[in-house]
PDB file of N, CA and C in Angstrom:
ATOM      1  N   MET A   1       0.830  -1.191   0.000  1.00  0.00           N
ATOM      2  CA  MET A   1       0.000   0.000   0.000  1.00  0.00           C
ATOM      3  C   MET A   1       0.874   1.254   0.000  1.00  0.00           C
ATOM      4  N   ILE A   2       1.930   1.248   0.818  1.00  0.00           N
ATOM      5  CA  ILE A   2       2.836   2.398   0.845  1.00  0.00           C
ATOM      6  C   ILE A   2       3.524   2.543  -0.504  1.00  0.00           C
ATOM      7  N   HIS A   3       3.854   1.412  -1.120  1.00  0.00           N
ATOM      8  CA  HIS A   3       4.497   1.439  -2.430  1.00  0.00           C
ATOM      9  C   HIS A   3       3.587   2.107  -3.469  1.00  0.00           C
ATOM     10  N   ASP A   4       2.271   1.772  -3.449  1.00  0.00           N
ATOM     11  CA  ASP A   4       1.303   2.380  -4.371  1.00  0.00           C
ATOM     12  C   ASP A   4       1.216   3.886  -4.163  1.00  0.00           C
ATOM     13  N   THR A   5       1.216   4.325  -2.914  1.00  0.00           N
ATOM     14  CA  THR A   5       1.140   5.750  -2.603  1.00  0.00           C
ATOM     15  C   THR A   5       2.377   6.475  -3.118  1.00  0.00           C
ATOM     16  N   GLN A   6       3.541   5.858  -2.951  1.00  0.00           N
ATOM     17  CA  GLN A   6       4.778   6.463  -3.449  1.00  0.00           C
ATOM     18  C   GLN A   6       4.755   6.565  -4.968  1.00  0.00           C
ATOM     19  N   GLN A   7       4.232   5.535  -5.652  1.00  0.00           N
ATOM     20  CA  GLN A   7       4.126   5.571  -7.108  1.00  0.00           C
ATOM     21  C   GLN A   7       3.168   6.682  -7.552  1.00  0.00           C
ATOM     22  N   ASP A   8       2.047   6.812  -6.833  1.00  0.00           N
ATOM     23  CA  ASP A   8       1.075   7.864  -7.152  1.00  0.00           C
ATOM     24  C   ASP A   8       1.711   9.242  -6.996  1.00  0.00           C
ATOM     25  N   LEU A   9       2.465   9.439  -5.912  1.00  0.00           N
ATOM     26  CA  LEU A   9       3.125  10.727  -5.690  1.00  0.00           C
ATOM     27  C   LEU A   9       4.159  11.012  -6.773  1.00  0.00           C
ATOM     28  N   GLN A  10       4.907   9.985  -7.161  1.00  0.00           N
ATOM     29  CA  GLN A  10       5.915  10.180  -8.196  1.00  0.00           C
ATOM     30  C   GLN A  10       5.251  10.500  -9.533  1.00  0.00           C
ATOM     31  N   ALA A  11       4.142   9.843  -9.865  1.00  0.00           N
ATOM     32  CA  ALA A  11       3.414  10.125 -11.108  1.00  0.00           C
ATOM     33  C   ALA A  11       2.875  11.546 -11.094  1.00  0.00           C
ATOM     34  N   THR A  12       2.343  11.989  -9.944  1.00  0.00           N
ATOM     35  CA  THR A  12       1.841  13.354  -9.819  1.00  0.00           C
ATOM     36  C   THR A  12       2.975  14.353  -9.983  1.00  0.00           C
ATOM     37  N   ARG A  13       4.121  14.052  -9.366  1.00  0.00           N
ATOM     38  CA  ARG A  13       5.277  14.933  -9.459  1.00  0.00           C
ATOM     39  C   ARG A  13       5.726  15.060 -10.914  1.00  0.00           C
ATOM     40  N   LEU A  14       5.733  13.938 -11.665  1.00  0.00           N
ATOM     41  CA  LEU A  14       6.109  13.990 -13.079  1.00  0.00           C
ATOM     42  C   LEU A  14       5.111  14.833 -13.862  1.00  0.00           C
ATOM     43  N   SER A  15       3.834  14.675 -13.546  1.00  0.00           N
ATOM     44  CA  SER A  15       2.808  15.456 -14.226  1.00  0.00           C
ATOM     45  C   SER A  15       2.999  16.947 -13.959  1.00  0.00           C
ATOM     46  N   ILE A  16       3.280  17.302 -12.718  1.00  0.00           N
ATOM     47  CA  ILE A  16       3.510  18.702 -12.373  1.00  0.00           C
ATOM     48  C   ILE A  16       4.753  19.225 -13.081  1.00  0.00           C
ATOM     49  N   ASP A  17       5.810  18.403 -13.121  1.00  0.00           N
ATOM     50  CA  ASP A  17       7.037  18.804 -13.814  1.00  0.00           C
ATOM     51  C   ASP A  17       6.772  19.044 -15.296  1.00  0.00           C
ATOM     52  N   ASP A  18       5.989  18.161 -15.919  1.00  0.00           N
ATOM     53  CA  ASP A  18       5.650  18.330 -17.339  1.00  0.00           C
ATOM     54  C   ASP A  18       4.849  19.610 -17.567  1.00  0.00           C
ATOM     55  N   ARG A  19       3.889  19.864 -16.677  1.00  0.00           N
ATOM     56  CA  ARG A  19       3.058  21.062 -16.817  1.00  0.00           C
ATOM     57  C   ARG A  19       3.893  22.319 -16.598  1.00  0.00           C
ATOM     58  N   LEU A  20       4.814  22.281 -15.640  1.00  0.00           N
ATOM     59  CA  LEU A  20       5.689  23.419 -15.387  1.00  0.00           C
ATOM     60  C   LEU A  20       6.592  23.681 -16.586  1.00  0.00           C
ATOM     61  N   ALA A  21       7.097  22.619 -17.190  1.00  0.00           N
ATOM     62  CA  ALA A  21       7.940  22.764 -18.381  1.00  0.00           C
ATOM     63  C   ALA A  21       7.149  23.397 -19.527  1.00  0.00           C
ATOM     64  N   ALA A  22       5.893  23.004 -19.683  1.00  0.00           N
ATOM     65  CA  ALA A  22       5.049  23.594 -20.731  1.00  0.00           C
ATOM     66  C   ALA A  22       4.810  25.072 -20.463  1.00  0.00           C
ATOM     67  N   CYS A  23       4.598  25.440 -19.206  1.00  0.00           N
ATOM     68  CA  CYS A  23       4.415  26.855 -18.846  1.00  0.00           C
ATOM     69  C   CYS A  23       5.684  27.650 -19.138  1.00  0.00           C
ATOM     70  N   GLU A  24       6.835  27.098 -18.779  1.00  0.00           N
ATOM     71  CA  GLU A  24       8.103  27.774 -19.065  1.00  0.00           C
ATOM     72  C   GLU A  24       8.304  27.968 -20.555  1.00  0.00           C
ATOM     73  N   ALA A  25       7.941  26.960 -21.348  1.00  0.00           N
ATOM     74  CA  ALA A  25       8.072  27.066 -22.802  1.00  0.00           C
ATOM     75  C   ALA A  25       7.163  28.171 -23.338  1.00  0.00           C
ATOM     76  N   ALA A  26       5.938  28.267 -22.824  1.00  0.00           N
ATOM     77  CA  ALA A  26       5.007  29.315 -23.263  1.00  0.00           C
ATOM     78  C   ALA A  26       5.537  30.694 -22.898  1.00  0.00           C
ATOM     79  N   ILE A  27       6.094  30.841 -21.704  1.00  0.00           N
ATOM     80  CA  ILE A  27       6.658  32.132 -21.294  1.00  0.00           C
ATOM     81  C   ILE A  27       7.839  32.500 -22.183  1.00  0.00           C
ATOM     82  N   ASN A  28       8.676  31.525 -22.509  1.00  0.00           N
ATOM     83  CA  ASN A  28       9.805  31.794 -23.405  1.00  0.00           C
ATOM     84  C   ASN A  28       9.342  32.207 -24.795  1.00  0.00           C
ATOM     85  N   GLU A  29       8.246  31.604 -25.274  1.00  0.00           N
ATOM     86  CA  GLU A  29       7.671  32.016 -26.562  1.00  0.00           C
ATOM     87  C   GLU A  29       7.227  33.460 -26.510  1.00  0.00           C
ATOM     88  N   LEU A  30       6.582  33.853 -25.409  1.00  0.00           N
ATOM     89  CA  LEU A  30       6.131  35.233 -25.266  1.00  0.00           C
ATOM     90  C   LEU A  30       7.319  36.192 -25.276  1.00  0.00           C
ATOM     91  N   ARG A  31       8.362  35.832 -24.580  1.00  0.00           N
ATOM     92  CA  ARG A  31       9.560  36.675 -24.559  1.00  0.00           C
ATOM     93  C   ARG A  31      10.161  36.805 -25.947  1.00  0.00           C
ATOM     94  N   GLY A  32      10.024  35.770 -26.754  1.00  0.00           N
ATOM     95  CA  GLY A  32      10.544  35.796 -28.115  1.00  0.00           C
ATOM     96  C   GLY A  32       9.617  36.494 -29.089  1.00  0.00           C
ATOM     97  N   GLY A  33       8.465  36.970 -28.608  1.00  0.00           N
ATOM     98  CA  GLY A  33       7.534  37.682 -29.472  1.00  0.00           C
ATOM     99  C   GLY A  33       6.547  36.783 -30.181  1.00  0.00           C
ATOM    100  N   THR A  34       6.492  35.514 -29.831  1.00  0.00           N
ATOM    101  CA  THR A  34       5.599  34.573 -30.490  1.00  0.00           C
ATOM    102  C   THR A  34       4.767  33.838 -29.453  1.00  0.00           C
ATOM    103  N   LEU A  35       3.486  33.740 -29.716  1.00  0.00           N
ATOM    104  CA  LEU A  35       2.602  32.938 -28.878  1.00  0.00           C
ATOM    105  C   LEU A  35       1.717  32.126 -29.814  1.00  0.00           C
ATOM    106  N   THR A  36       1.696  30.839 -29.639  1.00  0.00           N
ATOM    107  CA  THR A  36       0.903  29.974 -30.497  1.00  0.00           C
ATOM    108  C   THR A  36      -0.268  29.416 -29.695  1.00  0.00           C
ATOM    109  N   VAL A  37      -1.477  29.823 -30.085  1.00  0.00           N
ATOM    110  CA  VAL A  37      -2.696  29.323 -29.465  1.00  0.00           C
ATOM    111  C   VAL A  37      -3.732  29.127 -30.553  1.00  0.00           C
ATOM    112  N   ARG A  38      -4.746  28.320 -30.289  1.00  0.00           N
ATOM    113  CA  ARG A  38      -5.835  28.141 -31.255  1.00  0.00           C
ATOM    114  C   ARG A  38      -6.980  29.091 -30.982  1.00  0.00           C
ATOM    115  N   ARG A  39      -7.121  29.551 -29.728  1.00  0.00           N
ATOM    116  CA  ARG A  39      -8.200  30.470 -29.383  1.00  0.00           C
ATOM    117  C   ARG A  39      -7.690  31.471 -28.363  1.00  0.00           C
ATOM    118  N   LEU A  40      -7.988  32.734 -28.618  1.00  0.00           N
ATOM    119  CA  LEU A  40      -7.631  33.807 -27.704  1.00  0.00           C
ATOM    120  C   LEU A  40      -8.903  34.550 -27.342  1.00  0.00           C
ATOM    121  N   SER A  41      -9.193  34.655 -26.057  1.00  0.00           N
ATOM    122  CA  SER A  41     -10.391  35.328 -25.575  1.00  0.00           C
ATOM    123  C   SER A  41      -9.971  36.539 -24.754  1.00  0.00           C
ATOM    124  N   ILE A  42     -10.589  37.684 -25.034  1.00  0.00           N
ATOM    125  CA  ILE A  42     -10.286  38.907 -24.296  1.00  0.00           C
ATOM    126  C   ILE A  42     -11.567  39.359 -23.605  1.00  0.00           C
ATOM    127  N   CYS A  43     -11.492  39.484 -22.279  1.00  0.00           N
ATOM    128  CA  CYS A  43     -12.668  39.816 -21.477  1.00  0.00           C
ATOM    129  C   CYS A  43     -12.559  41.230 -20.922  1.00  0.00           C
ATOM    130  N   ASP A  44     -13.723  41.822 -20.621  1.00  0.00           N
ATOM    131  CA  ASP A  44     -13.737  43.150 -20.008  1.00  0.00           C
ATOM    132  C   ASP A  44     -13.513  43.021 -18.498  1.00  0.00           C
ATOM    133  N   ASP A  45     -13.621  44.137 -17.791  1.00  0.00           N
ATOM    134  CA  ASP A  45     -13.379  44.157 -16.350  1.00  0.00           C
ATOM    135  C   ASP A  45     -14.360  43.290 -15.556  1.00  0.00           C
ATOM    136  N   HIS A  46     -15.499  42.922 -16.170  1.00  0.00           N
ATOM    137  CA  HIS A  46     -16.516  42.116 -15.496  1.00  0.00           C
ATOM    138  C   HIS A  46     -16.418  40.634 -15.878  1.00  0.00           C
ATOM    139  N   GLY A  47     -15.393  40.281 -16.660  1.00  0.00           N
ATOM    140  CA  GLY A  47     -15.210  38.892 -17.065  1.00  0.00           C
ATOM    141  C   GLY A  47     -16.043  38.481 -18.260  1.00  0.00           C
ATOM    142  N   ILE A  48     -16.663  39.441 -18.954  1.00  0.00           N
ATOM    143  CA  ILE A  48     -17.485  39.141 -20.125  1.00  0.00           C
ATOM    144  C   ILE A  48     -16.603  39.175 -21.362  1.00  0.00           C
ATOM    145  N   GLU A  49     -16.659  38.108 -22.158  1.00  0.00           N
ATOM    146  CA  GLU A  49     -15.851  38.055 -23.375  1.00  0.00           C
ATOM    147  C   GLU A  49     -16.320  39.132 -24.359  1.00  0.00           C
ATOM    148  N   ARG A  50     -15.405  39.993 -24.773  1.00  0.00           N
ATOM    149  CA  ARG A  50     -15.733  41.070 -25.707  1.00  0.00           C
ATOM    150  C   ARG A  50     -15.060  40.887 -27.054  1.00  0.00           C
ATOM    151  N   ALA A  51     -13.943  40.143 -27.089  1.00  0.00           N
ATOM    152  CA  ALA A  51     -13.233  39.887 -28.335  1.00  0.00           C
ATOM    153  C   ALA A  51     -12.660  38.475 -28.274  1.00  0.00           C
ATOM    154  N   ALA A  52     -12.623  37.825 -29.423  1.00  0.00           N
ATOM    155  CA  ALA A  52     -12.056  36.477 -29.479  1.00  0.00           C
ATOM    156  C   ALA A  52     -11.492  36.226 -30.866  1.00  0.00           C
ATOM    157  N   ILE A  53     -10.410  35.503 -30.904  1.00  0.00           N
ATOM    158  CA  ILE A  53      -9.845  35.017 -32.158  1.00  0.00           C
ATOM    159  C   ILE A  53      -9.857  33.503 -32.054  1.00  0.00           C
ATOM    160  N   ASP A  54     -10.476  32.858 -33.026  1.00  0.00           N
ATOM    161  CA  ASP A  54     -10.615  31.403 -33.009  1.00  0.00           C
ATOM    162  C   ASP A  54     -10.085  30.860 -34.332  1.00  0.00           C
ATOM    163  N   VAL A  55      -9.101  29.977 -34.266  1.00  0.00           N
ATOM    164  CA  VAL A  55      -8.487  29.423 -35.469  1.00  0.00           C
ATOM    165  C   VAL A  55      -8.592  27.912 -35.420  1.00  0.00           C
ATOM    166  N   SER A  56      -9.072  27.325 -36.507  1.00  0.00           N
ATOM    167  CA  SER A  56      -9.137  25.867 -36.614  1.00  0.00           C
ATOM    168  C   SER A  56      -8.516  25.469 -37.950  1.00  0.00           C
ATOM    169  N   LYS A  57      -8.574  24.204 -38.257  1.00  0.00           N
ATOM    170  CA  LYS A  57      -8.011  23.712 -39.524  1.00  0.00           C
ATOM    171  C   LYS A  57      -8.676  24.378 -40.721  1.00  0.00           C
ATOM    172  N   ASP A  58      -9.969  24.643 -40.612  1.00  0.00           N
ATOM    173  CA  ASP A  58     -10.729  25.125 -41.762  1.00  0.00           C
ATOM    174  C   ASP A  58     -11.155  26.580 -41.704  1.00  0.00           C
ATOM    175  N   SER A  59     -10.893  27.292 -40.601  1.00  0.00           N
ATOM    176  CA  SER A  59     -11.352  28.676 -40.551  1.00  0.00           C
ATOM    177  C   SER A  59     -10.582  29.506 -39.529  1.00  0.00           C
ATOM    178  N   ALA A  60     -10.696  30.817 -39.714  1.00  0.00           N
ATOM    179  CA  ALA A  60     -10.159  31.789 -38.764  1.00  0.00           C
ATOM    180  C   ALA A  60     -11.225  32.865 -38.587  1.00  0.00           C
ATOM    181  N   VAL A  61     -11.549  33.193 -37.335  1.00  0.00           N
ATOM    182  CA  VAL A  61     -12.619  34.147 -37.055  1.00  0.00           C
ATOM    183  C   VAL A  61     -12.162  35.119 -35.971  1.00  0.00           C
ATOM    184  N   LEU A  62     -12.344  36.416 -36.241  1.00  0.00           N
ATOM    185  CA  LEU A  62     -12.152  37.470 -35.245  1.00  0.00           C
ATOM    186  C   LEU A  62     -13.539  37.963 -34.892  1.00  0.00           C
ATOM    187  N   LYS A  63     -13.895  37.893 -33.603  1.00  0.00           N
ATOM    188  CA  LYS A  63     -15.256  38.223 -33.165  1.00  0.00           C
ATOM    189  C   LYS A  63     -15.192  39.345 -32.139  1.00  0.00           C
ATOM    190  N   LEU A  64     -15.964  40.406 -32.373  1.00  0.00           N
ATOM    191  CA  LEU A  64     -16.082  41.525 -31.445  1.00  0.00           C
ATOM    192  C   LEU A  64     -17.535  41.620 -31.019  1.00  0.00           C
ATOM    193  N   SER A  65     -17.780  41.672 -29.706  1.00  0.00           N
ATOM    194  CA  SER A  65     -19.146  41.596 -29.195  1.00  0.00           C
ATOM    195  C   SER A  65     -19.516  42.804 -28.351  1.00  0.00           C
ATOM    196  N   THR A  66     -20.816  43.117 -28.373  1.00  0.00           N
ATOM    197  CA  THR A  66     -21.377  44.112 -27.464  1.00  0.00           C
ATOM    198  C   THR A  66     -22.111  43.358 -26.364  1.00  0.00           C
ATOM    199  N   ILE A  67     -22.465  44.056 -25.301  1.00  0.00           N
ATOM    200  CA  ILE A  67     -23.280  43.428 -24.261  1.00  0.00           C
ATOM    201  C   ILE A  67     -24.677  44.030 -24.222  1.00  0.00           C
ATOM    202  N   GLU A  68     -24.905  45.064 -25.009  1.00  0.00           N
ATOM    203  CA  GLU A  68     -26.216  45.711 -25.077  1.00  0.00           C
ATOM    204  C   GLU A  68     -27.097  45.022 -26.114  1.00  0.00           C
ATOM    205  N   PRO A  69     -28.425  45.165 -26.022  1.00  0.00           N
ATOM    206  CA  PRO A  69     -29.324  44.584 -27.027  1.00  0.00           C
ATOM    207  C   PRO A  69     -29.080  45.200 -28.404  1.00  0.00           C
ATOM    208  N   GLY A  70     -29.508  44.503 -29.425  1.00  0.00           N
ATOM    209  CA  GLY A  70     -29.315  44.958 -30.800  1.00  0.00           C
ATOM    210  C   GLY A  70     -28.360  44.014 -31.492  1.00  0.00           C
ATOM    211  N   PRO A  71     -27.758  44.440 -32.596  1.00  0.00           N
ATOM    212  CA  PRO A  71     -26.720  43.588 -33.185  1.00  0.00           C
ATOM    213  C   PRO A  71     -25.650  43.362 -32.120  1.00  0.00           C
ATOM    214  N   THR A  72     -25.359  42.113 -31.835  1.00  0.00           N
ATOM    215  CA  THR A  72     -24.504  41.822 -30.697  1.00  0.00           C
ATOM    216  C   THR A  72     -23.079  41.442 -31.052  1.00  0.00           C
ATOM    217  N   CYS A  73     -22.792  41.211 -32.327  1.00  0.00           N
ATOM    218  CA  CYS A  73     -21.461  40.727 -32.658  1.00  0.00           C
ATOM    219  C   CYS A  73     -21.153  41.016 -34.123  1.00  0.00           C
ATOM    220  N   VAL A  74     -19.905  41.340 -34.379  1.00  0.00           N
ATOM    221  CA  VAL A  74     -19.410  41.419 -35.750  1.00  0.00           C
ATOM    222  C   VAL A  74     -18.268  40.415 -35.852  1.00  0.00           C
ATOM    223  N   GLU A  75     -18.257  39.650 -36.931  1.00  0.00           N
ATOM    224  CA  GLU A  75     -17.233  38.634 -37.138  1.00  0.00           C
ATOM    225  C   GLU A  75     -16.528  38.873 -38.465  1.00  0.00           C
ATOM    226  N   LEU A  76     -15.226  38.914 -38.422  1.00  0.00           N
ATOM    227  CA  LEU A  76     -14.391  38.922 -39.622  1.00  0.00           C
ATOM    228  C   LEU A  76     -13.948  37.475 -39.786  1.00  0.00           C
ATOM    229  N   PHE A  77     -14.249  36.860 -40.936  1.00  0.00           N
ATOM    230  CA  PHE A  77     -13.997  35.427 -41.059  1.00  0.00           C
ATOM    231  C   PHE A  77     -13.290  35.071 -42.362  1.00  0.00           C
ATOM    232  N   ALA A  78     -12.603  33.939 -42.323  1.00  0.00           N
ATOM    233  CA  ALA A  78     -11.970  33.332 -43.502  1.00  0.00           C
ATOM    234  C   ALA A  78     -12.122  31.824 -43.350  1.00  0.00           C
ATOM    235  N   HIS A  79     -12.912  31.223 -44.253  1.00  0.00           N
ATOM    236  CA  HIS A  79     -13.167  29.781 -44.207  1.00  0.00           C
ATOM    237  C   HIS A  79     -12.561  29.138 -45.449  1.00  0.00           C
ATOM    238  N   GLU A  80     -11.971  27.987 -45.280  1.00  0.00           N
ATOM    239  CA  GLU A  80     -11.422  27.235 -46.404  1.00  0.00           C
ATOM    240  C   GLU A  80     -12.561  26.698 -47.271  1.00  0.00           C
ATOM    241  N   PRO A  81     -12.278  26.340 -48.532  1.00  0.00           N
ATOM    242  CA  PRO A  81     -13.319  25.835 -49.427  1.00  0.00           C
ATOM    243  C   PRO A  81     -14.020  24.599 -48.855  1.00  0.00           C
ATOM    244  N   CYS A  82     -15.326  24.520 -49.118  1.00  0.00           N
ATOM    245  CA  CYS A  82     -16.092  23.316 -48.770  1.00  0.00           C
ATOM    246  C   CYS A  82     -17.215  23.149 -49.790  1.00  0.00           C
ATOM    247  N   ASP A  83     -17.683  21.965 -49.948  1.00  0.00           N
ATOM    248  CA  ASP A  83     -18.790  21.649 -50.869  1.00  0.00           C
ATOM    249  C   ASP A  83     -18.523  22.152 -52.282  1.00  0.00           C
ATOM    250  N   GLY A  84     -17.272  22.118 -52.726  1.00  0.00           N
ATOM    251  CA  GLY A  84     -16.952  22.506 -54.092  1.00  0.00           C
ATOM    252  C   GLY A  84     -16.870  23.997 -54.330  1.00  0.00           C
ATOM    253  N   GLU A  85     -17.169  24.807 -53.307  1.00  0.00           N
ATOM    254  CA  GLU A  85     -17.053  26.252 -53.445  1.00  0.00           C
ATOM    255  C   GLU A  85     -15.628  26.668 -53.113  1.00  0.00           C
ATOM    256  N   GLY A  86     -15.286  27.893 -53.453  1.00  0.00           N
ATOM    257  CA  GLY A  86     -13.973  28.418 -53.114  1.00  0.00           C
ATOM    258  C   GLY A  86     -13.935  28.873 -51.673  1.00  0.00           C
ATOM    259  N   PRO A  87     -12.821  29.472 -51.267  1.00  0.00           N
ATOM    260  CA  PRO A  87     -12.733  29.998 -49.911  1.00  0.00           C
ATOM    261  C   PRO A  87     -13.783  31.081 -49.688  1.00  0.00           C
ATOM    262  N   HIS A  88     -14.234  31.226 -48.460  1.00  0.00           N
ATOM    263  CA  HIS A  88     -15.292  32.178 -48.120  1.00  0.00           C
ATOM    264  C   HIS A  88     -14.704  33.160 -47.109  1.00  0.00           C
ATOM    265  N   ILE A  89     -14.626  34.432 -47.494  1.00  0.00           N
ATOM    266  CA  ILE A  89     -14.119  35.457 -46.590  1.00  0.00           C
ATOM    267  C   ILE A  89     -15.134  36.587 -46.502  1.00  0.00           C
ATOM    268  N   GLY A  90     -15.178  37.258 -45.358  1.00  0.00           N
ATOM    269  CA  GLY A  90     -16.109  38.362 -45.246  1.00  0.00           C
ATOM    270  C   GLY A  90     -16.312  38.841 -43.829  1.00  0.00           C
ATOM    271  N   VAL A  91     -17.407  39.587 -43.684  1.00  0.00           N
ATOM    272  CA  VAL A  91     -17.801  40.155 -42.406  1.00  0.00           C
ATOM    273  C   VAL A  91     -19.259  39.771 -42.175  1.00  0.00           C
ATOM    274  N   ALA A  92     -19.571  39.292 -40.986  1.00  0.00           N
ATOM    275  CA  ALA A  92     -20.946  38.926 -40.641  1.00  0.00           C
ATOM    276  C   ALA A  92     -21.374  39.694 -39.396  1.00  0.00           C
ATOM    277  N   ILE A  93     -22.647  40.066 -39.353  1.00  0.00           N
ATOM    278  CA  ILE A  93     -23.254  40.708 -38.193  1.00  0.00           C
ATOM    279  C   ILE A  93     -24.222  39.696 -37.590  1.00  0.00           C
ATOM    280  N   THR A  94     -24.119  39.475 -36.279  1.00  0.00           N
ATOM    281  CA  THR A  94     -25.019  38.525 -35.636  1.00  0.00           C
ATOM    282  C   THR A  94     -25.827  39.201 -34.544  1.00  0.00           C
ATOM    283  N   ARG A  95     -26.952  38.605 -34.250  1.00  0.00           N
ATOM    284  CA  ARG A  95     -27.813  39.038 -33.148  1.00  0.00           C
ATOM    285  C   ARG A  95     -28.241  37.766 -32.424  1.00  0.00           C
ATOM    286  N   ASP A  96     -27.902  37.678 -31.148  1.00  0.00           N
ATOM    287  CA  ASP A  96     -28.253  36.510 -30.335  1.00  0.00           C
ATOM    288  C   ASP A  96     -27.807  35.196 -30.980  1.00  0.00           C
ATOM    289  N   GLY A  97     -26.640  35.204 -31.619  1.00  0.00           N
ATOM    290  CA  GLY A  97     -26.094  33.993 -32.227  1.00  0.00           C
ATOM    291  C   GLY A  97     -26.541  33.713 -33.643  1.00  0.00           C
ATOM    292  N   ASP A  98     -27.518  34.472 -34.166  1.00  0.00           N
ATOM    293  CA  ASP A  98     -28.006  34.265 -35.533  1.00  0.00           C
ATOM    294  C   ASP A  98     -27.394  35.315 -36.459  1.00  0.00           C
ATOM    295  N   VAL A  99     -26.939  34.885 -37.632  1.00  0.00           N
ATOM    296  CA  VAL A  99     -26.399  35.827 -38.610  1.00  0.00           C
ATOM    297  C   VAL A  99     -27.558  36.625 -39.200  1.00  0.00           C
ATOM    298  N   VAL A 100     -27.468  37.966 -39.128  1.00  0.00           N
ATOM    299  CA  VAL A 100     -28.520  38.829 -39.662  1.00  0.00           C
ATOM    300  C   VAL A 100     -28.027  39.676 -40.828  1.00  0.00           C
ATOM    301  N   GLY A 101     -26.744  39.594 -41.128  1.00  0.00           N
ATOM    302  CA  GLY A 101     -26.205  40.318 -42.270  1.00  0.00           C
ATOM    303  C   GLY A 101     -24.806  39.838 -42.578  1.00  0.00           C
ATOM    304  N   GLU A 102     -24.441  39.924 -43.868  1.00  0.00           N
ATOM    305  CA  GLU A 102     -23.109  39.479 -44.266  1.00  0.00           C
ATOM    306  C   GLU A 102     -22.672  40.196 -45.536  1.00  0.00           C
ATOM    307  N   PHE A 103     -21.399  40.523 -45.587  1.00  0.00           N
ATOM    308  CA  PHE A 103     -20.737  40.978 -46.803  1.00  0.00           C
ATOM    309  C   PHE A 103     -19.550  40.055 -46.991  1.00  0.00           C
ATOM    310  N   GLY A 104     -19.463  39.420 -48.150  1.00  0.00           N
ATOM    311  CA  GLY A 104     -18.353  38.490 -48.315  1.00  0.00           C
ATOM    312  C   GLY A 104     -18.142  38.049 -49.739  1.00  0.00           C
ATOM    313  N   PHE A 105     -17.128  37.238 -49.895  1.00  0.00           N
ATOM    314  CA  PHE A 105     -16.752  36.666 -51.184  1.00  0.00           C
ATOM    315  C   PHE A 105     -16.670  35.152 -51.022  1.00  0.00           C
ATOM    316  N   VAL A 106     -17.105  34.428 -52.041  1.00  0.00           N
ATOM    317  CA  VAL A 106     -16.918  32.982 -52.104  1.00  0.00           C
ATOM    318  C   VAL A 106     -16.131  32.715 -53.374  1.00  0.00           C
ATOM    319  N   GLY A 107     -14.913  32.219 -53.187  1.00  0.00           N
ATOM    320  CA  GLY A 107     -14.045  31.963 -54.338  1.00  0.00           C
ATOM    321  C   GLY A 107     -13.797  33.235 -55.129  1.00  0.00           C
ATOM    322  N   ASP A 108     -13.796  33.101 -56.446  1.00  0.00           N
ATOM    323  CA  ASP A 108     -13.567  34.245 -57.338  1.00  0.00           C
ATOM    324  C   ASP A 108     -14.862  34.930 -57.750  1.00  0.00           C
ATOM    325  N   ASN A 109     -15.974  34.585 -57.126  1.00  0.00           N
ATOM    326  CA  ASN A 109     -17.271  35.158 -57.497  1.00  0.00           C
ATOM    327  C   ASN A 109     -17.351  36.624 -57.091  1.00  0.00           C
ATOM    328  N   GLU A 110     -18.363  37.283 -57.600  1.00  0.00           N
ATOM    329  CA  GLU A 110     -18.619  38.672 -57.231  1.00  0.00           C
ATOM    330  C   GLU A 110     -18.933  38.762 -55.742  1.00  0.00           C
ATOM    331  N   PRO A 111     -18.668  39.901 -55.123  1.00  0.00           N
ATOM    332  CA  PRO A 111     -19.006  40.032 -53.698  1.00  0.00           C
ATOM    333  C   PRO A 111     -20.512  39.906 -53.495  1.00  0.00           C
ATOM    334  N   ARG A 112     -20.881  39.452 -52.328  1.00  0.00           N
ATOM    335  CA  ARG A 112     -22.313  39.347 -52.035  1.00  0.00           C
ATOM    336  C   ARG A 112     -22.609  40.074 -50.732  1.00  0.00           C
ATOM    337  N   VAL A 113     -23.796  40.661 -50.708  1.00  0.00           N
ATOM    338  CA  VAL A 113     -24.295  41.341 -49.523  1.00  0.00           C
ATOM    339  C   VAL A 113     -25.629  40.705 -49.194  1.00  0.00           C
ATOM    340  N   TRP A 114     -25.806  40.332 -47.935  1.00  0.00           N
ATOM    341  CA  TRP A 114     -27.052  39.717 -47.513  1.00  0.00           C
ATOM    342  C   TRP A 114     -27.481  40.333 -46.194  1.00  0.00           C
ATOM    343  N   LEU A 115     -28.749  40.717 -46.103  1.00  0.00           N
ATOM    344  CA  LEU A 115     -29.327  41.251 -44.866  1.00  0.00           C
ATOM    345  C   LEU A 115     -30.632  40.532 -44.584  1.00  0.00           C
ATOM    346  N   ASP A 116     -30.882  40.200 -43.336  1.00  0.00           N
ATOM    347  CA  ASP A 116     -32.139  39.578 -42.935  1.00  0.00           C
ATOM    348  C   ASP A 116     -33.132  40.689 -42.657  1.00  0.00           C
ATOM    349  N   VAL A 117     -33.868  41.109 -43.702  1.00  0.00           N
ATOM    350  CA  VAL A 117     -34.816  42.207 -43.549  1.00  0.00           C
ATOM    351  C   VAL A 117     -36.185  41.725 -43.071  1.00  0.00           C
ATOM    352  N   THR A 118     -36.381  40.401 -42.948  1.00  0.00           N
ATOM    353  CA  THR A 118     -37.676  39.876 -42.526  1.00  0.00           C
ATOM    354  C   THR A 118     -37.746  39.646 -41.027  1.00  0.00           C
ATOM    355  N   ARG A 119     -36.654  39.833 -40.326  1.00  0.00           N
ATOM    356  CA  ARG A 119     -36.623  39.571 -38.874  1.00  0.00           C
ATOM    357  C   ARG A 119     -37.539  40.551 -38.160  1.00  0.00           C
ATOM    358  N   ASN A 120     -38.413  40.025 -37.351  1.00  0.00           N
ATOM    359  CA  ASN A 120     -39.314  40.861 -36.551  1.00  0.00           C
ATOM    360  C   ASN A 120     -38.642  41.223 -35.244  1.00  0.00           C
ATOM    361  N   GLU A 121     -38.695  42.462 -34.880  1.00  0.00           N
ATOM    362  CA  GLU A 121     -38.150  42.908 -33.603  1.00  0.00           C
ATOM    363  C   GLU A 121     -39.161  42.624 -32.503  1.00  0.00           C
ATOM    364  N   ALA A 122     -38.688  42.137 -31.380  1.00  0.00           N
ATOM    365  CA  ALA A 122     -39.586  41.826 -30.253  1.00  0.00           C
ATOM    366  C   ALA A 122     -39.733  43.039 -29.370  1.00  0.00           C
TER     367      ALA A 122
END
């Protein structure tokens, strides 16, 4: 039983050492002017996310949000091609998570502008 406890402590110590090494590596990256992350969230003084950058294999999105009612978010996006279309880049306006307007390009096509003019205000 004592042997098992010692093994558990040693495994925990290795885990802490690995995590500390990862933290040191991240700090060294920052000192070198480079930080590699997949998502960056910036919050206001109340802890509410106001800006975020989210990068995945197929897209990159910069999102700026308000906390007041009305259009609640603007997104600058770049998505890789899907369904036979070209890359999709543009700006979208959202309200409560739903896209209500967009200006963008798909592949080499002409720019498109779309607005949800049928949305009823509550």
